[in-house]
Structure formats: structure tokens, C-alpha cells
Protein backbone atom coordinates (compact mmCIF):
# COMPACT_ATOMS: atom_id res chain seq x y z
CA MET A 1 102.87 84.88 83.32
CA GLU A 2 101.80 87.44 80.77
CA ILE A 3 103.05 91.23 80.55
CA ARG A 4 100.62 93.57 78.83
CA SER A 5 99.30 96.99 78.70
CA ALA A 6 96.67 97.55 81.64
CA THR A 7 93.11 97.94 80.58
CA GLU A 8 90.20 99.95 82.17
CA ALA A 9 88.91 96.44 83.31
CA ASP A 10 92.21 96.26 85.47
CA LEU A 11 91.33 99.50 87.52
CA SER A 12 89.97 97.75 90.76
CA ALA A 13 92.73 95.12 90.80
CA LEU A 14 95.33 98.01 90.03
CA THR A 15 94.02 100.09 92.90
CA SER A 16 94.07 97.11 95.28
CA LEU A 17 97.57 96.22 94.25
CA LEU A 18 99.09 99.72 94.72
CA ARG A 19 97.35 100.00 98.09
CA ARG A 20 98.69 96.72 99.24
CA SER A 21 102.17 97.54 98.15
CA TRP A 22 102.18 100.95 99.88
CA LEU A 23 100.79 99.46 103.13
CA THR A 24 103.53 96.63 103.38
CA THR A 25 106.61 98.56 102.10
CA ARG A 26 105.90 102.00 103.06
CA ALA A 27 103.62 102.59 105.72
CA PRO A 28 105.72 100.65 108.43
CA GLU A 29 108.62 103.23 107.76
CA LEU A 30 106.38 106.42 107.97
CA PRO A 31 104.67 108.33 110.87
CA PHE A 32 101.20 107.32 111.63
CA ALA A 33 99.90 110.65 110.31
CA ALA A 34 101.12 109.76 106.72
CA VAL A 35 99.09 106.27 106.82
CA GLN A 36 96.24 108.27 108.00
CA ARG A 37 96.53 110.70 105.20
CA PHE A 38 96.90 107.62 102.68
CA ALA A 39 93.73 106.24 104.17
CA ALA A 40 91.90 109.38 103.83
CA ASP A 41 93.01 110.60 100.40
CA ASP A 42 93.56 107.27 98.58
CA PRO A 43 96.27 108.44 96.36
CA ALA A 44 96.46 104.69 94.96
CA ARG A 45 93.00 104.77 93.53
CA ARG A 46 93.52 108.46 91.94
CA TYR A 47 96.97 107.27 90.56
CA ALA A 48 95.22 103.95 88.94
CA GLU A 49 92.35 105.90 87.45
CA THR A 50 94.31 108.82 86.14
CA MET A 51 97.17 106.78 84.99
CA TRP A 52 96.21 103.36 84.02
CA ARG A 53 96.48 103.87 80.10
CA GLU A 54 100.33 104.37 80.82
CA PHE A 55 100.52 101.20 83.15
CA VAL A 56 102.05 97.82 82.05
CA VAL A 57 100.90 94.93 84.20
CA ALA A 58 101.98 91.28 84.73
CA GLU A 59 99.06 88.88 85.28
CA ASP A 60 99.47 85.43 86.39
CA GLY A 61 96.44 82.85 86.29
CA GLY A 62 93.95 85.75 86.02
CA ALA A 63 95.54 87.67 88.84
CA LEU A 64 97.19 90.96 88.66
CA VAL A 65 100.70 90.46 90.34
CA GLY A 66 102.81 93.44 89.23
CA MET A 67 102.74 96.77 87.50
CA PHE A 68 105.05 99.35 86.17
CA HIS A 69 104.78 102.89 84.96
CA VAL A 70 107.43 104.49 82.51
CA ASP A 71 107.38 108.17 81.32
CA GLN A 72 110.09 108.70 78.79
CA ASN A 73 113.36 107.50 80.48
CA TRP A 74 111.80 107.51 84.24
CA LEU A 75 110.51 104.31 85.87
CA ASN A 76 107.90 106.09 87.96
CA ALA A 77 106.43 103.22 89.59
CA ILE A 78 106.79 99.43 89.77
CA HIS A 79 104.78 97.43 92.24
CA LEU A 80 104.36 93.96 92.98
CA ASP A 81 101.85 91.83 94.81
CA PRO A 82 103.31 91.44 98.39
CA LYS A 83 102.49 87.93 98.59
CA ARG A 84 104.26 87.34 95.30
CA LYS A 85 107.65 88.81 95.85
CA ARG A 86 110.76 86.75 95.24
CA GLN A 87 108.88 84.91 92.58
CA GLY A 88 110.97 86.62 89.45
CA ILE A 89 107.93 88.93 88.87
CA GLY A 90 109.98 92.16 89.68
CA SER A 91 112.91 90.71 87.39
CA ARG A 92 110.46 89.88 84.58
CA LEU A 93 108.98 93.41 84.76
CA MET A 94 112.48 95.15 85.01
CA ASP A 95 113.48 93.47 81.93
CA GLU A 96 110.50 94.95 80.17
CA VAL A 97 111.24 98.46 81.77
CA GLU A 98 114.75 98.15 80.83
CA ARG A 99 114.06 97.03 77.27
CA ARG A 100 111.38 99.76 76.60
CA ILE A 101 113.70 102.55 77.93
CA SER A 102 116.81 101.34 76.41
CA ALA A 103 115.30 101.31 72.95
CA ALA A 104 114.84 105.36 72.92
CA HIS A 105 117.22 106.58 75.70
CA PRO A 106 121.02 105.89 76.62
CA GLU A 107 119.94 105.97 80.21
CA ALA A 108 117.13 105.23 82.85
CA ARG A 109 116.28 106.90 86.02
CA LEU A 110 114.15 106.25 89.00
CA GLU A 111 113.51 107.35 92.65
CA VAL A 112 113.38 105.01 95.49
CA ARG A 113 112.75 105.70 99.41
CA ALA A 114 116.10 105.31 101.37
CA PHE A 115 114.19 102.88 103.68
CA ASN A 116 113.45 100.26 100.99
CA LEU A 117 116.51 98.44 101.10
CA GLY A 118 115.16 95.53 99.39
CA ALA A 119 114.38 97.53 96.38
CA ILE A 120 117.71 99.38 96.33
CA ASP A 121 119.62 96.07 96.53
CA PHE A 122 117.54 94.61 93.64
CA TYR A 123 118.34 97.80 91.66
CA LYS A 124 121.80 97.64 92.27
CA GLN A 125 122.10 94.04 91.18
CA ARG A 126 120.69 95.02 88.09
CA GLY A 127 123.32 97.80 87.52
CA TRP A 128 121.39 100.73 88.70
CA ASN A 129 123.65 103.25 90.64
CA GLU A 130 122.88 105.99 92.89
CA GLN A 131 122.83 109.45 91.48
CA ARG A 132 121.84 111.74 94.49
CA ARG A 133 119.98 111.74 97.67
CA TYR A 134 117.52 114.42 98.79
CA GLU A 135 114.30 114.91 100.80
CA GLY A 136 111.07 113.95 99.20
CA LYS A 137 107.60 113.78 100.55
CA GLU A 138 105.58 110.60 101.08
CA CYS A 139 101.93 111.56 102.12
CA GLY A 140 102.90 115.04 103.53
CA GLU A 141 105.86 113.63 105.45
CA PRO A 142 109.62 114.22 104.59
CA VAL A 143 111.54 111.08 103.63
CA GLU A 144 114.95 110.56 102.23
CA THR A 145 114.74 109.72 98.73
CA ILE A 146 117.56 108.46 96.33
CA GLU A 147 117.61 108.81 92.58
CA MET A 148 119.28 106.01 90.61
CA ILE A 149 120.34 105.85 87.12
CA LYS A 150 121.28 102.95 84.86
CA VAL A 151 123.52 103.73 81.68
CA PHE A 152 122.89 101.47 78.77
CA SER A 153 125.59 100.18 76.50
CA ALA A 154 125.80 101.84 73.12
CA ARG A 155 122.99 100.81 70.70
């Protein structure tokens, strides 16, 4: 598996990955109106088209199997191919996320939806701690959101 910067040629695969990740992880937890808005507005495509230059991807055998987006000390997004979960891809991506952030910042932050228990457990196992809970929005619907933080050892 190769972890590399995204290229413009990855746009179609990135859009597909983001859509499938959202539909398998978030859609089942949200009201149907949110899923309809997701289908109509296609925020996955818009996000991929506007931010791909800042994405890092995991590629395995020519297939895009994961991605992340870091801005300063914030992990803005991490998504895996739903069919490739529990194969170590998320751990490899998070190792790279944490390496990049810790090189320039004493702590890292992320937001996760409270219903995403698998992701929360994954982050906790890696030393992330809940900082606060608040109401966020997902495709126009209110959703409980958790901000998590990881403090890095002194460099």
C-alpha cells in the first residue's frame, strides 16, 4: 500500500470513496431528508473537487482505499473504502496524520459524529480524548458531535 498526495487524476475515485463512506457510515443514522439532501447536493463531489490538493490518499493495487485531509492541527476528514475496513488502512493513515501534525503542533484535533462508535473507539485506542460535545449539522440535520484531542509528547 502506498500513501501519497492526491492528484487531479484521483478526483473520480475520491468522489466515489467519499460518497460510499458517507452512505455506509452516516446515512443509516440520519433522517431520510438528510440523505435526500446528500443525493441532491452531492457534497462529496464538491469537497473532492475543491480540496483534493490537500488530500493524502492510500492506494493499494491501483485502487484508492482511503484518504485524509489535515489543515494545521485539525484532521478534517478521514475516510476508508467501506469494503476495506479492518485491514490496517485506517491505522496506516492515522500514523501518517499524527506524524504530520506532531511535526508542527503539540496537539491534534478532530470532530466525529457521536453515532460513529467504531471511529470513536478507534481514536480512543490511539490516545485521543473527548474534549467537548455539541450540536453540529449533517446535511442540514442536527447531530451530536464530539471534538477530540490528542496531545503529543514533548518533541
